[in-house]
Amino acid sequence: MSRTTPKIRIFIADDHPIVRQGLRRIVEADAGMVISGEADGAATLLAGLETSATDLVLLDVSMPGGLFLDTLRELRTRHPTIRVLALSVHPEDEWAVRALRAGASGYLTKDHSPDQLLDAIRRVYRGGKYVSPTLAEHLATHLDVGGQRPAHELLSDREFEVMRRLGSGLTVSQIASELALSAKTVSTYRTRIFEKMAVTTNADLVRYAARYGLIA
């Protein structure tokens, strides 16, 4: 008697019901996959994984309830065997490299086809990494000693979060409230960001953010 190949158990984490429903339909249409659970925020995701046997999480980059990279690291710490495929509407330049460094096994923008999503899921489940050809070229450039990295890639993860919000036009006090930091701490990050990115005004930062698609 032949053994039945186990199905890939997938947990969907996205705050938009329509997106979750679309992802569920794509996954359930594949005979080799099954949905293990759904979440609309960081807290419900982490709680759900405690009781749902899961192989892979489809994790939305912009989901509320916690900073994406913090949520990703917490997930990987609590559940080191669960693989993560990050999904995003944001350009790869904004999040992909940071997501991979924080423990994601792949990064896929939401403008890809259902077939590409399923291919990414299978590859990540098998222990591989999934990146688009464009991102692969970007990563290869980083390995070139002579390759010049964009200024925003020199920022720490927290500086990056602050920079995106400054680039979106938020004030220091608004950012402090959103990130649960003091205004003084955000001001310190702002100073570091300006130095690392060689800009002198918020307007310069807004133009840079718009150029690279880094708007929060």
C-alpha atoms as a PDB file:
ATOM      1  CA  MET A   1       0.000   0.000   0.000  1.00  0.00           C
ATOM      2  CA  SER A   2       1.448   3.397  -1.007  1.00  0.00           C
ATOM      3  CA  ARG A   3       1.811   6.068   1.630  1.00  0.00           C
ATOM      4  CA  THR A   4      -0.219   9.240   1.207  1.00  0.00           C
ATOM      5  CA  THR A   5       1.900  12.369   0.816  1.00  0.00           C
ATOM      6  CA  PRO A   6       1.083  14.764   3.675  1.00  0.00           C
ATOM      7  CA  LYS A   7      -0.556  18.012   2.717  1.00  0.00           C
ATOM      8  CA  ILE A   8       1.214  21.311   3.300  1.00  0.00           C
ATOM      9  CA  ARG A   9      -0.566  22.967   6.236  1.00  0.00           C
ATOM     10  CA  ILE A  10      -0.813  26.712   5.642  1.00  0.00           C
ATOM     11  CA  PHE A  11      -1.774  29.504   8.033  1.00  0.00           C
ATOM     12  CA  ILE A  12      -2.938  32.769   6.406  1.00  0.00           C
ATOM     13  CA  ALA A  13      -2.156  36.047   8.198  1.00  0.00           C
ATOM     14  CA  ASP A  14      -3.636  39.132   6.544  1.00  0.00           C
ATOM     15  CA  ASP A  15      -5.902  41.873   7.893  1.00  0.00           C
ATOM     16  CA  HIS A  16      -8.070  42.075   4.751  1.00  0.00           C
ATOM     17  CA  PRO A  17     -10.921  39.509   4.636  1.00  0.00           C
ATOM     18  CA  ILE A  18     -11.078  39.641   0.838  1.00  0.00           C
ATOM     19  CA  VAL A  19      -7.363  38.870   0.565  1.00  0.00           C
ATOM     20  CA  ARG A  20      -7.650  35.987   3.043  1.00  0.00           C
ATOM     21  CA  GLN A  21     -10.575  34.554   1.113  1.00  0.00           C
ATOM     22  CA  GLY A  22      -8.672  34.826  -2.161  1.00  0.00           C
ATOM     23  CA  LEU A  23      -5.606  33.136  -0.699  1.00  0.00           C
ATOM     24  CA  ARG A  24      -7.767  30.397   0.811  1.00  0.00           C
ATOM     25  CA  ARG A  25      -9.366  29.656  -2.558  1.00  0.00           C
ATOM     26  CA  ILE A  26      -5.986  29.478  -4.288  1.00  0.00           C
ATOM     27  CA  VAL A  27      -4.549  27.163  -1.643  1.00  0.00           C
ATOM     28  CA  GLU A  28      -7.584  24.899  -1.342  1.00  0.00           C
ATOM     29  CA  ALA A  29      -7.683  24.449  -5.125  1.00  0.00           C
ATOM     30  CA  ASP A  30      -4.387  22.564  -4.815  1.00  0.00           C
ATOM     31  CA  ALA A  31      -4.834  18.965  -3.678  1.00  0.00           C
ATOM     32  CA  GLY A  32      -1.508  19.028  -1.862  1.00  0.00           C
ATOM     33  CA  MET A  33      -2.335  21.907   0.472  1.00  0.00           C
ATOM     34  CA  VAL A  34      -4.743  22.644   3.305  1.00  0.00           C
ATOM     35  CA  ILE A  35      -5.538  25.704   5.424  1.00  0.00           C
ATOM     36  CA  SER A  36      -4.628  25.291   9.104  1.00  0.00           C
ATOM     37  CA  GLY A  37      -5.902  28.677  10.264  1.00  0.00           C
ATOM     38  CA  GLU A  38      -6.330  32.388   9.639  1.00  0.00           C
ATOM     39  CA  ALA A  39      -5.451  35.589  11.514  1.00  0.00           C
ATOM     40  CA  ASP A  40      -6.091  39.293  10.997  1.00  0.00           C
ATOM     41  CA  GLY A  41      -3.351  40.595  13.274  1.00  0.00           C
ATOM     42  CA  ALA A  42      -0.063  39.757  14.957  1.00  0.00           C
ATOM     43  CA  ALA A  43      -1.606  38.711  18.277  1.00  0.00           C
ATOM     44  CA  THR A  44      -4.191  36.401  16.711  1.00  0.00           C
ATOM     45  CA  LEU A  45      -1.508  34.882  14.492  1.00  0.00           C
ATOM     46  CA  LEU A  46       0.825  34.030  17.361  1.00  0.00           C
ATOM     47  CA  ALA A  47      -2.078  32.723  19.452  1.00  0.00           C
ATOM     48  CA  GLY A  48      -3.426  30.648  16.571  1.00  0.00           C
ATOM     49  CA  LEU A  49      -0.101  28.968  15.908  1.00  0.00           C
ATOM     50  CA  GLU A  50      -0.082  27.659  19.479  1.00  0.00           C
ATOM     51  CA  THR A  51      -3.067  25.413  18.710  1.00  0.00           C
ATOM     52  CA  SER A  52      -2.896  24.876  14.929  1.00  0.00           C
ATOM     53  CA  ALA A  53      -0.461  22.377  13.408  1.00  0.00           C
ATOM     54  CA  THR A  54       1.178  24.462  10.694  1.00  0.00           C
ATOM     55  CA  ASP A  55       4.006  24.031   8.193  1.00  0.00           C
ATOM     56  CA  LEU A  56       4.038  27.454   6.564  1.00  0.00           C
ATOM     57  CA  VAL A  57       2.675  30.937   7.257  1.00  0.00           C
ATOM     58  CA  LEU A  58       1.662  33.381   4.541  1.00  0.00           C
ATOM     59  CA  LEU A  59       2.504  36.598   6.393  1.00  0.00           C
ATOM     60  CA  ASP A  60       1.307  39.989   5.214  1.00  0.00           C
ATOM     61  CA  VAL A  61       3.944  42.690   5.646  1.00  0.00           C
ATOM     62  CA  SER A  62       1.428  45.425   6.553  1.00  0.00           C
ATOM     63  CA  MET A  63      -0.715  43.492   9.040  1.00  0.00           C
ATOM     64  CA  PRO A  64      -1.658  45.518  12.151  1.00  0.00           C
ATOM     65  CA  GLY A  65      -0.960  44.650  15.762  1.00  0.00           C
ATOM     66  CA  GLY A  66       2.821  44.819  15.689  1.00  0.00           C
ATOM     67  CA  LEU A  67       5.787  45.789  13.555  1.00  0.00           C
ATOM     68  CA  PHE A  68       6.291  43.272  10.765  1.00  0.00           C
ATOM     69  CA  LEU A  69       9.908  42.413  11.508  1.00  0.00           C
ATOM     70  CA  ASP A  70       9.202  42.088  15.237  1.00  0.00           C
ATOM     71  CA  THR A  71       6.272  39.768  14.508  1.00  0.00           C
ATOM     72  CA  LEU A  72       8.384  37.716  12.119  1.00  0.00           C
ATOM     73  CA  ARG A  73      11.207  37.310  14.622  1.00  0.00           C
ATOM     74  CA  GLU A  74       8.787  36.393  17.413  1.00  0.00           C
ATOM     75  CA  LEU A  75       7.135  33.794  15.180  1.00  0.00           C
ATOM     76  CA  ARG A  76      10.482  32.255  14.258  1.00  0.00           C
ATOM     77  CA  THR A  77      11.601  32.206  17.894  1.00  0.00           C
ATOM     78  CA  ARG A  78       8.437  30.509  19.129  1.00  0.00           C
ATOM     79  CA  HIS A  79       8.038  28.178  16.152  1.00  0.00           C
ATOM     80  CA  PRO A  80      11.445  27.583  14.525  1.00  0.00           C
ATOM     81  CA  THR A  81      10.162  24.726  12.330  1.00  0.00           C
ATOM     82  CA  ILE A  82       7.418  26.823  10.718  1.00  0.00           C
ATOM     83  CA  ARG A  83       8.507  28.461   7.481  1.00  0.00           C
ATOM     84  CA  VAL A  84       7.363  31.943   6.498  1.00  0.00           C
ATOM     85  CA  LEU A  85       6.539  33.337   3.075  1.00  0.00           C
ATOM     86  CA  ALA A  86       6.113  37.114   3.280  1.00  0.00           C
ATOM     87  CA  LEU A  87       3.434  38.656   1.065  1.00  0.00           C
ATOM     88  CA  SER A  88       3.347  42.366   0.312  1.00  0.00           C
ATOM     89  CA  VAL A  89       2.027  45.122  -1.909  1.00  0.00           C
ATOM     90  CA  HIS A  90       5.271  46.992  -1.243  1.00  0.00           C
ATOM     91  CA  PRO A  91       8.197  46.915  -3.701  1.00  0.00           C
ATOM     92  CA  GLU A  92      10.860  44.312  -3.044  1.00  0.00           C
ATOM     93  CA  ASP A  93      13.450  47.026  -2.426  1.00  0.00           C
ATOM     94  CA  GLU A  94      11.499  48.086   0.644  1.00  0.00           C
ATOM     95  CA  TRP A  95      11.115  44.876   2.621  1.00  0.00           C
ATOM     96  CA  ALA A  96      12.493  41.764   0.957  1.00  0.00           C
ATOM     97  CA  VAL A  97      16.100  41.798   2.143  1.00  0.00           C
ATOM     98  CA  ARG A  98      15.087  42.716   5.696  1.00  0.00           C
ATOM     99  CA  ALA A  99      12.417  39.997   5.734  1.00  0.00           C
ATOM    100  CA  LEU A 100      14.910  37.352   4.626  1.00  0.00           C
ATOM    101  CA  ARG A 101      17.428  38.484   7.227  1.00  0.00           C
ATOM    102  CA  ALA A 102      14.749  38.302   9.933  1.00  0.00           C
ATOM    103  CA  GLY A 103      13.899  34.693   9.132  1.00  0.00           C
ATOM    104  CA  ALA A 104      11.470  34.619   6.211  1.00  0.00           C
ATOM    105  CA  SER A 105      12.129  31.927   3.614  1.00  0.00           C
ATOM    106  CA  GLY A 106      10.653  33.919   0.768  1.00  0.00           C
ATOM    107  CA  TYR A 107       9.133  37.222  -0.303  1.00  0.00           C
ATOM    108  CA  LEU A 108       6.373  37.588  -2.872  1.00  0.00           C
ATOM    109  CA  THR A 109       4.596  40.745  -3.987  1.00  0.00           C
ATOM    110  CA  LYS A 110       0.835  40.439  -4.398  1.00  0.00           C
ATOM    111  CA  ASP A 111       0.904  41.239  -8.100  1.00  0.00           C
ATOM    112  CA  HIS A 112       2.178  37.716  -8.852  1.00  0.00           C
ATOM    113  CA  SER A 113      -0.080  35.017 -10.268  1.00  0.00           C
ATOM    114  CA  PRO A 114      -1.725  32.206  -8.254  1.00  0.00           C
ATOM    115  CA  ASP A 115       0.607  29.707  -9.936  1.00  0.00           C
ATOM    116  CA  GLN A 116       3.632  31.704  -8.790  1.00  0.00           C
ATOM    117  CA  LEU A 117       2.241  31.757  -5.256  1.00  0.00           C
ATOM    118  CA  LEU A 118       1.796  27.976  -5.229  1.00  0.00           C
ATOM    119  CA  ASP A 119       5.291  27.497  -6.640  1.00  0.00           C
ATOM    120  CA  ALA A 120       6.698  29.750  -3.904  1.00  0.00           C
ATOM    121  CA  ILE A 121       4.824  27.789  -1.220  1.00  0.00           C
ATOM    122  CA  ARG A 122       6.181  24.447  -2.474  1.00  0.00           C
ATOM    123  CA  ARG A 123       9.730  25.739  -2.711  1.00  0.00           C
ATOM    124  CA  VAL A 124       9.693  27.251   0.769  1.00  0.00           C
ATOM    125  CA  TYR A 125       8.057  24.125   2.234  1.00  0.00           C
ATOM    126  CA  ARG A 126      10.839  21.974   0.783  1.00  0.00           C
ATOM    127  CA  GLY A 127      13.392  24.103   2.605  1.00  0.00           C
ATOM    128  CA  GLY A 128      14.347  26.425  -0.222  1.00  0.00           C
ATOM    129  CA  LYS A 129      14.226  30.175  -0.595  1.00  0.00           C
ATOM    130  CA  TYR A 130      11.874  32.012  -2.901  1.00  0.00           C
ATOM    131  CA  VAL A 131      12.779  35.333  -4.470  1.00  0.00           C
ATOM    132  CA  SER A 132      11.831  36.847  -7.805  1.00  0.00           C
ATOM    133  CA  PRO A 133      14.422  37.115 -10.586  1.00  0.00           C
ATOM    134  CA  THR A 134      14.553  40.870  -9.961  1.00  0.00           C
ATOM    135  CA  LEU A 135      15.299  40.388  -6.278  1.00  0.00           C
ATOM    136  CA  ALA A 136      17.836  37.660  -7.046  1.00  0.00           C
ATOM    137  CA  GLU A 137      19.704  40.126  -9.240  1.00  0.00           C
ATOM    138  CA  HIS A 138      19.479  42.731  -6.484  1.00  0.00           C
ATOM    139  CA  LEU A 139      20.960  40.313  -3.953  1.00  0.00           C
ATOM    140  CA  ALA A 140      23.710  39.326  -6.365  1.00  0.00           C
ATOM    141  CA  THR A 141      24.629  42.989  -6.734  1.00  0.00           C
ATOM    142  CA  HIS A 142      25.089  43.174  -2.964  1.00  0.00           C
ATOM    143  CA  LEU A 143      27.677  40.411  -3.207  1.00  0.00           C
ATOM    144  CA  ASP A 144      29.651  42.492  -5.662  1.00  0.00           C
ATOM    145  CA  VAL A 145      32.214  44.445  -3.671  1.00  0.00           C
ATOM    146  CA  GLY A 146      31.794  47.331  -6.056  1.00  0.00           C
ATOM    147  CA  GLY A 147      28.006  47.310  -5.836  1.00  0.00           C
ATOM    148  CA  GLN A 148      26.562  50.483  -4.322  1.00  0.00           C
ATOM    149  CA  ARG A 149      23.662  49.974  -1.898  1.00  0.00           C
ATOM    150  CA  PRO A 150      20.806  52.484  -1.654  1.00  0.00           C
ATOM    151  CA  ALA A 151      21.114  54.717   1.392  1.00  0.00           C
ATOM    152  CA  HIS A 152      18.007  53.326   3.124  1.00  0.00           C
ATOM    153  CA  GLU A 153      19.568  49.869   3.265  1.00  0.00           C
ATOM    154  CA  LEU A 154      22.217  51.226   5.630  1.00  0.00           C
ATOM    155  CA  LEU A 155      19.556  51.901   8.277  1.00  0.00           C
ATOM    156  CA  SER A 156      18.807  49.616  11.206  1.00  0.00           C
ATOM    157  CA  ASP A 157      15.353  48.006  11.211  1.00  0.00           C
ATOM    158  CA  ARG A 158      13.971  50.530  13.722  1.00  0.00           C
ATOM    159  CA  GLU A 159      15.544  53.453  11.857  1.00  0.00           C
ATOM    160  CA  PHE A 160      13.954  52.079   8.702  1.00  0.00           C
ATOM    161  CA  GLU A 161      10.506  52.037  10.354  1.00  0.00           C
ATOM    162  CA  VAL A 162      10.942  55.639  11.492  1.00  0.00           C
ATOM    163  CA  MET A 163      12.264  56.732   8.093  1.00  0.00           C
ATOM    164  CA  ARG A 164       9.245  55.287   6.274  1.00  0.00           C
ATOM    165  CA  ARG A 165       6.909  57.230   8.526  1.00  0.00           C
ATOM    166  CA  LEU A 166       8.881  60.455   8.216  1.00  0.00           C
ATOM    167  CA  GLY A 167       8.790  59.934   4.459  1.00  0.00           C
ATOM    168  CA  SER A 168       5.012  59.621   4.667  1.00  0.00           C
ATOM    169  CA  GLY A 169       4.771  63.011   6.339  1.00  0.00           C
ATOM    170  CA  LEU A 170       4.119  61.937   9.924  1.00  0.00           C
ATOM    171  CA  THR A 171       5.375  64.151  12.752  1.00  0.00           C
ATOM    172  CA  VAL A 172       7.784  63.010  15.458  1.00  0.00           C
ATOM    173  CA  SER A 173       4.957  62.857  18.007  1.00  0.00           C
ATOM    174  CA  GLN A 174       2.738  60.839  15.653  1.00  0.00           C
ATOM    175  CA  ILE A 175       5.560  58.350  15.014  1.00  0.00           C
ATOM    176  CA  ALA A 176       6.291  58.107  18.724  1.00  0.00           C
ATOM    177  CA  SER A 177       2.659  57.213  19.410  1.00  0.00           C
ATOM    178  CA  GLU A 178       2.487  54.705  16.563  1.00  0.00           C
ATOM    179  CA  LEU A 179       5.712  52.909  17.515  1.00  0.00           C
ATOM    180  CA  ALA A 180       5.231  53.218  21.295  1.00  0.00           C
ATOM    181  CA  LEU A 181       8.423  55.231  21.674  1.00  0.00           C
ATOM    182  CA  SER A 182       9.212  58.560  23.312  1.00  0.00           C
ATOM    183  CA  ALA A 183       9.395  61.661  21.133  1.00  0.00           C
ATOM    184  CA  LYS A 184      13.006  62.100  22.256  1.00  0.00           C
ATOM    185  CA  THR A 185      13.894  58.609  21.025  1.00  0.00           C
ATOM    186  CA  VAL A 186      12.221  59.240  17.656  1.00  0.00           C
ATOM    187  CA  SER A 187      14.110  62.538  17.348  1.00  0.00           C
ATOM    188  CA  THR A 188      17.361  60.656  17.965  1.00  0.00           C
ATOM    189  CA  TYR A 189      16.475  58.168  15.240  1.00  0.00           C
ATOM    190  CA  ARG A 190      15.611  61.080  12.932  1.00  0.00           C
ATOM    191  CA  THR A 191      19.068  62.585  13.457  1.00  0.00           C
ATOM    192  CA  ARG A 192      20.774  59.268  12.706  1.00  0.00           C
ATOM    193  CA  ILE A 193      18.622  58.768   9.613  1.00  0.00           C
ATOM    194  CA  PHE A 194      19.498  62.191   8.233  1.00  0.00           C
ATOM    195  CA  GLU A 195      23.191  61.510   8.779  1.00  0.00           C
ATOM    196  CA  LYS A 196      23.183  58.059   7.189  1.00  0.00           C
ATOM    197  CA  MET A 197      21.069  59.122   4.220  1.00  0.00           C
ATOM    198  CA  ALA A 198      22.835  62.460   3.718  1.00  0.00           C
ATOM    199  CA  VAL A 199      19.625  64.499   3.730  1.00  0.00           C
ATOM    200  CA  THR A 200      19.018  67.763   5.556  1.00  0.00           C
ATOM    201  CA  THR A 201      15.228  68.262   5.550  1.00  0.00           C
ATOM    202  CA  ASN A 202      12.039  66.241   5.831  1.00  0.00           C
ATOM    203  CA  ALA A 203      11.219  67.302   2.282  1.00  0.00           C
ATOM    204  CA  ASP A 204      14.409  65.586   1.063  1.00  0.00           C
ATOM    205  CA  LEU A 205      13.345  62.450   2.884  1.00  0.00           C
ATOM    206  CA  VAL A 206       9.829  62.555   1.408  1.00  0.00           C
ATOM    207  CA  ARG A 207      11.270  62.829  -2.104  1.00  0.00           C
ATOM    208  CA  TYR A 208      13.643  59.933  -1.442  1.00  0.00           C
ATOM    209  CA  ALA A 209      10.840  57.774  -0.004  1.00  0.00           C
ATOM    210  CA  ALA A 210       8.642  58.471  -3.013  1.00  0.00           C
ATOM    211  CA  ARG A 211      11.472  57.664  -5.414  1.00  0.00           C
ATOM    212  CA  TYR A 212      12.058  54.218  -3.893  1.00  0.00           C
ATOM    213  CA  GLY A 213       8.435  53.417  -3.085  1.00  0.00           C
ATOM    214  CA  LEU A 214       9.062  53.486   0.676  1.00  0.00           C
ATOM    215  CA  ILE A 215       5.877  55.262   1.713  1.00  0.00           C
ATOM    216  CA  ALA A 216       4.464  53.723   4.897  1.00  0.00           C
END
